[in-house]
């Protein structure tokens, strides 16, 4: 929020404001670290804003078509389930979330997210080796390079943004009630589990992984969601500890594209569930749409400004 939002007058002259908005140089002519970071942040945000429709809509739609075509054998072998394409598409769709969060990621946040990354690898390796806590499952396609030959090296890229999206949406939807820690954490964990209620049935349908034996929920066993309750709770607590909550919420409210990765998620996995007749997961994806609409940032006016001319 700037001074005009609060109704107070600024004593900063136009020349001073212009100077503060430009990179500050040291006596050696080098751009100072803080201002260099601000310039990079500004450029990244400009790229995201100029390409929002492509990132949040075109990429997930192409992804859904490509994955379904891979599953039913319409794509040739070098292209079908191509791990480089999968990683590239995922990274692009994650970019609004990453760029949106960058100004709030300091050393403490990096430490907490680093710990979450270690936990993500550890619990997945335990799951693959012992069938606990998710149940017996195995990866049926190559999702890029594998750590220890067992779990995808890019696993944090797949998992951690799902937790962040659920947490950020929870903060916005709860409003002032987010200050209640029990309500905030319980709501965020519920949102994380809801994310997997959408993700896993679609991933099983297109052959990313499979559970043996197949479970009652579109091939996914109940044990998987008990495992996600454990993992989601630990992940949400670490995310909650990572950030200055009020500063984070201010950033989420002011950064209009920070939840675009969740839009991509809903379009990609919701579409796949619809195509395979997974009606309950598709309906849950629809609930996420309602949650996004309730934030007031996704409407027809946005579509008119986001679609390239």
Protein backbone atom coordinates (compact mmCIF):
# COMPACT_ATOMS: atom_id res chain seq x y z
CA UNK A 1 0.00 0.00 0.00
CA UNK A 2 1.44 3.37 -0.94
CA UNK A 3 0.83 6.77 0.66
CA UNK A 4 -2.06 7.57 -1.67
CA UNK A 5 -3.90 4.49 -0.42
CA UNK A 6 -3.76 5.71 3.17
CA UNK A 7 -4.84 9.22 2.25
CA UNK A 8 -1.67 10.84 3.62
CA UNK A 9 0.43 13.26 1.61
CA UNK A 10 3.93 12.32 0.58
CA UNK A 11 6.76 14.72 1.21
CA UNK A 12 8.89 13.05 -1.46
CA UNK A 13 9.46 15.23 -4.50
CA UNK A 14 9.07 13.82 -8.02
CA UNK A 15 12.82 13.99 -8.54
CA UNK A 16 13.47 12.11 -5.30
CA UNK A 17 10.86 9.51 -6.16
CA UNK A 18 12.38 8.99 -9.58
CA UNK A 19 15.80 8.61 -8.05
CA UNK A 20 14.61 6.05 -5.49
CA UNK A 21 12.91 4.01 -8.21
CA UNK A 22 16.10 3.74 -10.24
CA UNK A 23 19.15 1.64 -9.38
CA UNK A 24 21.47 3.26 -6.81
CA UNK A 25 25.15 3.21 -7.78
CA UNK A 26 28.15 3.05 -5.50
CA UNK A 27 31.23 5.21 -5.95
CA UNK A 28 32.66 2.51 -8.19
CA UNK A 29 29.59 2.73 -10.43
CA UNK A 30 28.19 -0.63 -9.39
CA UNK A 31 24.50 -1.17 -8.77
CA UNK A 32 23.84 -1.74 -5.07
CA UNK A 33 22.60 -5.17 -4.06
CA UNK A 34 19.15 -4.15 -2.84
CA UNK A 35 18.37 -2.02 -5.86
CA UNK A 36 19.75 -4.62 -8.24
CA UNK A 37 17.37 -7.13 -6.71
CA UNK A 38 14.49 -4.66 -7.07
CA UNK A 39 15.29 -4.15 -10.76
CA UNK A 40 15.41 -7.90 -11.38
CA UNK A 41 12.16 -8.36 -9.46
CA UNK A 42 10.49 -5.64 -11.53
CA UNK A 43 11.62 -7.26 -14.79
CA UNK A 44 10.44 -10.70 -13.71
CA UNK A 45 7.04 -9.33 -12.69
CA UNK A 46 6.73 -7.56 -16.05
CA UNK A 47 7.40 -10.83 -17.87
CA UNK A 48 4.75 -12.63 -15.82
CA UNK A 49 2.16 -9.88 -16.32
CA UNK A 50 2.75 -9.75 -20.07
CA UNK A 51 2.35 -13.53 -20.39
CA UNK A 52 -0.29 -14.38 -17.76
CA UNK A 53 -2.75 -15.96 -20.16
CA UNK A 54 -0.06 -18.06 -21.82
CA UNK A 55 1.34 -19.25 -18.49
CA UNK A 56 -1.90 -19.82 -16.57
CA UNK A 57 -4.16 -21.03 -19.39
CA UNK A 58 -2.32 -22.07 -22.55
CA UNK A 59 0.37 -24.14 -20.81
CA UNK A 60 -2.02 -26.25 -18.66
CA UNK A 61 -4.40 -26.81 -21.58
CA UNK A 62 -1.54 -27.98 -23.79
CA UNK A 63 -0.27 -30.05 -20.87
CA UNK A 64 -3.61 -31.77 -20.39
CA UNK A 65 -3.94 -32.55 -24.10
CA UNK A 66 -0.37 -33.82 -24.31
CA UNK A 67 -0.65 -36.05 -21.25
CA UNK A 68 -3.94 -37.59 -22.34
CA UNK A 69 -2.56 -38.09 -25.86
CA UNK A 70 0.51 -39.77 -24.33
CA UNK A 71 -1.68 -42.09 -22.28
CA UNK A 72 -3.83 -43.23 -25.20
CA UNK A 73 -0.88 -43.65 -27.55
CA UNK A 74 -1.42 -40.76 -29.94
CA UNK A 75 2.06 -39.29 -29.47
CA UNK A 76 5.29 -40.91 -30.71
CA UNK A 77 7.78 -42.23 -28.19
CA UNK A 78 10.23 -39.28 -28.09
CA UNK A 79 7.39 -36.89 -27.25
CA UNK A 80 5.04 -39.02 -25.15
CA UNK A 81 5.65 -38.42 -21.43
CA UNK A 82 8.83 -36.58 -22.34
CA UNK A 83 10.43 -35.73 -18.97
CA UNK A 84 12.11 -32.54 -20.21
CA UNK A 85 8.80 -31.22 -21.52
CA UNK A 86 7.12 -32.18 -18.24
CA UNK A 87 9.73 -30.35 -16.17
CA UNK A 88 9.75 -27.31 -18.45
CA UNK A 89 5.96 -27.01 -18.43
CA UNK A 90 5.82 -27.41 -14.67
CA UNK A 91 8.51 -24.79 -14.11
CA UNK A 92 6.73 -22.29 -16.35
CA UNK A 93 3.41 -22.79 -14.56
CA UNK A 94 5.15 -22.40 -11.18
CA UNK A 95 6.81 -19.13 -12.22
CA UNK A 96 4.03 -16.73 -11.08
CA UNK A 97 4.11 -18.23 -7.59
CA UNK A 98 7.92 -18.08 -7.38
CA UNK A 99 8.16 -14.52 -8.70
CA UNK A 100 5.30 -13.43 -6.47
CA UNK A 101 6.93 -14.83 -3.34
CA UNK A 102 10.51 -13.69 -4.04
CA UNK A 103 10.26 -10.37 -2.16
CA UNK A 104 9.20 -12.24 0.98
CA UNK A 105 11.87 -14.94 0.85
CA UNK A 106 14.75 -14.12 3.19
CA UNK A 107 17.30 -16.33 4.91
CA UNK A 108 14.83 -17.61 7.51
CA UNK A 109 12.28 -18.52 4.84
CA UNK A 110 14.98 -20.21 2.79
CA UNK A 111 15.96 -22.27 5.82
CA UNK A 112 12.39 -23.40 6.48
CA UNK A 113 11.76 -24.18 2.82
CA UNK A 114 15.10 -26.00 2.67
CA UNK A 115 14.04 -28.12 5.62
CA UNK A 116 10.74 -28.79 3.86
CA UNK A 117 12.66 -29.86 0.75
CA UNK A 118 14.72 -32.35 2.77
CA UNK A 119 11.54 -33.66 4.41
CA UNK A 120 9.85 -34.00 0.99
CA UNK A 121 12.63 -36.24 -0.29
CA UNK A 122 12.87 -38.22 2.94
CA UNK A 123 9.18 -39.04 3.32
CA UNK A 124 8.90 -40.00 -0.37
CA UNK A 125 11.89 -42.34 -0.16
CA UNK A 126 10.42 -43.90 2.99
CA UNK A 127 7.11 -44.24 1.18
CA UNK A 128 8.65 -45.98 -1.84
CA UNK A 129 10.74 -48.35 0.30
CA UNK A 130 8.26 -49.22 3.06
CA UNK A 131 4.80 -48.40 1.60
CA UNK A 132 4.28 -46.07 4.59
CA UNK A 133 2.61 -43.62 5.01
CA UNK A 134 0.91 -43.45 1.58
CA UNK A 135 0.40 -47.11 0.80
CA UNK A 136 2.11 -49.28 -1.80
CA UNK A 137 2.78 -47.26 -4.97
CA UNK A 138 5.34 -46.98 -7.73
CA UNK A 139 6.23 -44.48 -10.43
CA UNK A 140 5.24 -45.86 -13.81
CA UNK A 141 6.88 -43.19 -15.98
CA UNK A 142 10.09 -41.21 -15.74
CA UNK A 143 9.44 -37.77 -14.24
CA UNK A 144 12.95 -36.54 -14.98
CA UNK A 145 16.18 -37.59 -13.21
CA UNK A 146 15.62 -39.85 -10.20
CA UNK A 147 17.24 -39.37 -6.78
CA UNK A 148 18.86 -42.65 -5.68
CA UNK A 149 16.97 -44.19 -8.58
CA UNK A 150 13.78 -44.08 -6.51
CA UNK A 151 12.07 -40.65 -6.45
CA UNK A 152 12.06 -37.75 -8.91
CA UNK A 153 14.82 -35.22 -8.32
CA UNK A 154 12.28 -32.49 -9.14
CA UNK A 155 9.91 -33.70 -6.40
CA UNK A 156 10.04 -30.40 -4.44
CA UNK A 157 9.03 -28.56 -7.63
CA UNK A 158 5.96 -30.79 -7.80
CA UNK A 159 4.99 -30.84 -4.12
CA UNK A 160 6.02 -27.65 -2.31
CA UNK A 161 4.16 -25.23 -4.63
CA UNK A 162 0.96 -27.22 -4.03
CA UNK A 163 1.33 -26.55 -0.30
CA UNK A 164 2.15 -22.88 -0.88
CA UNK A 165 -0.85 -22.42 -3.18
CA UNK A 166 -3.19 -24.00 -0.65
CA UNK A 167 -1.74 -21.90 2.17
CA UNK A 168 -1.92 -18.60 0.28
CA UNK A 169 -5.48 -19.22 -0.89
CA UNK A 170 -6.43 -20.04 2.70
CA UNK A 171 -4.99 -16.73 3.94
CA UNK A 172 -7.01 -14.78 1.38
CA UNK A 173 -10.27 -16.65 1.87
CA UNK A 174 -10.13 -16.50 5.68
CA UNK A 175 -9.57 -12.75 5.76
CA UNK A 176 -9.11 -11.46 9.32
CA UNK A 177 -9.85 -14.94 10.66
CA UNK A 178 -6.37 -16.03 9.51
CA UNK A 179 -5.06 -14.69 12.84
CA UNK A 180 -6.61 -17.70 14.58
CA UNK A 181 -3.75 -20.24 14.39
CA UNK A 182 -5.93 -23.32 14.81
CA UNK A 183 -8.36 -22.21 12.10
CA UNK A 184 -5.54 -21.10 9.80
CA UNK A 185 -3.50 -24.30 10.05
CA UNK A 186 -6.51 -26.63 9.96
CA UNK A 187 -7.93 -24.85 6.91
CA UNK A 188 -4.59 -24.92 5.10
CA UNK A 189 -4.05 -28.63 5.78
CA UNK A 190 -7.60 -29.34 4.57
CA UNK A 191 -6.83 -27.37 1.39
CA UNK A 192 -3.63 -29.37 0.86
CA UNK A 193 -5.52 -32.67 1.15
CA UNK A 194 -8.18 -31.31 -1.22
CA UNK A 195 -5.39 -30.56 -3.71
CA UNK A 196 -4.37 -34.21 -3.63
CA UNK A 197 -8.00 -35.33 -3.95
CA UNK A 198 -7.77 -33.65 -7.36
CA UNK A 199 -4.20 -34.57 -8.25
CA UNK A 200 -3.81 -38.26 -7.46
CA UNK A 201 -6.85 -39.63 -9.34
CA UNK A 202 -5.80 -37.72 -12.47
CA UNK A 203 -2.15 -38.77 -12.12
CA UNK A 204 -3.21 -42.41 -11.75
CA UNK A 205 -5.53 -42.09 -14.75
CA UNK A 206 -2.77 -40.88 -17.08
CA UNK A 207 -0.19 -43.33 -15.72
CA UNK A 208 2.17 -41.17 -13.67
CA UNK A 209 2.07 -43.69 -10.83
CA UNK A 210 -0.10 -46.50 -9.56
CA UNK A 211 -1.13 -47.97 -6.24
CA UNK A 212 -0.97 -51.73 -5.67
CA UNK A 213 -3.61 -52.79 -4.96
CA UNK A 214 -5.71 -50.03 -6.45
CA UNK A 215 -7.73 -48.02 -3.95
CA UNK A 216 -11.43 -47.23 -3.73
CA UNK A 217 -11.09 -43.56 -4.72
CA UNK A 218 -10.42 -43.73 -8.46
CA UNK A 219 -7.56 -46.14 -7.87
CA UNK A 220 -6.19 -44.26 -4.86
CA UNK A 221 -6.32 -45.92 -1.39
CA UNK A 222 -7.47 -44.17 1.78
CA UNK A 223 -3.98 -44.71 3.24
CA UNK A 224 -2.64 -42.21 0.69
CA UNK A 225 -4.74 -39.44 2.21
CA UNK A 226 -3.77 -40.40 5.73
CA UNK A 227 -0.19 -40.01 4.54
CA UNK A 228 -1.03 -36.64 3.03
CA UNK A 229 -2.59 -35.60 6.34
CA UNK A 230 0.78 -36.25 7.98
CA UNK A 231 2.88 -34.71 5.23
CA UNK A 232 0.50 -31.81 4.68
CA UNK A 233 0.46 -30.91 8.37
CA UNK A 234 4.25 -30.85 8.62
CA UNK A 235 4.54 -28.92 5.35
CA UNK A 236 1.93 -26.33 6.34
CA UNK A 237 3.55 -25.77 9.74
CA UNK A 238 6.94 -25.20 8.09
CA UNK A 239 5.42 -22.78 5.57
CA UNK A 240 3.59 -21.00 8.39
CA UNK A 241 6.87 -20.60 10.27
CA UNK A 242 8.80 -19.50 7.19
CA UNK A 243 7.18 -16.12 6.59
CA UNK A 244 6.19 -12.95 8.37
CA UNK A 245 2.48 -13.65 8.01
CA UNK A 246 1.21 -10.09 7.79
CA UNK A 247 3.89 -9.12 5.29
CA UNK A 248 3.13 -12.24 3.28
CA UNK A 249 -0.60 -11.51 3.28
CA UNK A 250 0.06 -7.94 2.16
CA UNK A 251 2.14 -9.31 -0.71
CA UNK A 252 -0.54 -11.84 -1.67
CA UNK A 253 -3.17 -9.12 -1.70
CA UNK A 254 -1.09 -6.76 -3.81
CA UNK A 255 0.39 -9.26 -6.27
CA UNK A 256 -2.42 -10.06 -8.68
CA UNK A 257 -0.73 -13.05 -10.33
CA UNK A 258 0.63 -14.91 -7.29
CA UNK A 259 -2.16 -17.52 -7.39
CA UNK A 260 -1.96 -18.10 -11.15
CA UNK A 261 -0.14 -21.39 -10.50
CA UNK A 262 -3.26 -22.60 -8.72
CA UNK A 263 -5.28 -21.58 -11.79
CA UNK A 264 -2.93 -23.73 -13.89
CA UNK A 265 -3.35 -26.62 -11.45
CA UNK A 266 -7.15 -26.45 -11.63
CA UNK A 267 -7.17 -26.29 -15.43
CA UNK A 268 -4.62 -29.07 -15.91
CA UNK A 269 -5.75 -31.66 -13.41
CA UNK A 270 -9.42 -30.67 -13.37
CA UNK A 271 -9.56 -31.12 -17.15
CA UNK A 272 -7.88 -34.52 -16.99
CA UNK A 273 -10.32 -35.68 -14.31
CA UNK A 274 -13.23 -34.53 -16.48
CA UNK A 275 -11.88 -36.35 -19.54
CA UNK A 276 -11.53 -39.58 -17.56
CA UNK A 277 -14.91 -39.28 -15.85
CA UNK A 278 -13.46 -38.69 -12.38
CA UNK A 279 -16.42 -36.60 -11.30
CA UNK A 280 -15.66 -36.08 -7.62
CA UNK A 281 -12.10 -34.83 -8.22
CA UNK A 282 -13.42 -32.60 -11.01
CA UNK A 283 -16.02 -31.18 -8.63
CA UNK A 284 -13.34 -30.47 -6.02
CA UNK A 285 -11.35 -28.65 -8.70
CA UNK A 286 -14.51 -26.63 -9.26
CA UNK A 287 -14.53 -25.71 -5.56
CA UNK A 288 -11.01 -24.37 -5.95
CA UNK A 289 -12.34 -22.26 -8.83
CA UNK A 290 -14.95 -20.82 -6.48
CA UNK A 291 -12.23 -20.10 -3.93
CA UNK A 292 -10.20 -18.27 -6.57
CA UNK A 293 -13.25 -16.28 -7.71
CA UNK A 294 -13.95 -15.31 -4.11
CA UNK A 295 -10.61 -13.48 -3.97
CA UNK A 296 -11.99 -10.94 -6.44
CA UNK A 297 -9.01 -11.11 -8.78
CA UNK A 298 -10.29 -13.50 -11.44
CA UNK A 299 -13.13 -12.03 -13.52
CA UNK A 300 -14.01 -11.01 -17.08
CA UNK A 301 -12.07 -7.77 -16.80
CA UNK A 302 -8.93 -9.75 -15.99
CA UNK A 303 -9.56 -12.03 -18.99
CA UNK A 304 -9.78 -9.01 -21.29
CA UNK A 305 -6.48 -7.62 -20.01
CA UNK A 306 -4.65 -10.96 -19.77
CA UNK A 307 -5.47 -12.34 -23.21
CA UNK A 308 -2.82 -11.22 -25.71
CA UNK A 309 -4.10 -8.79 -28.31
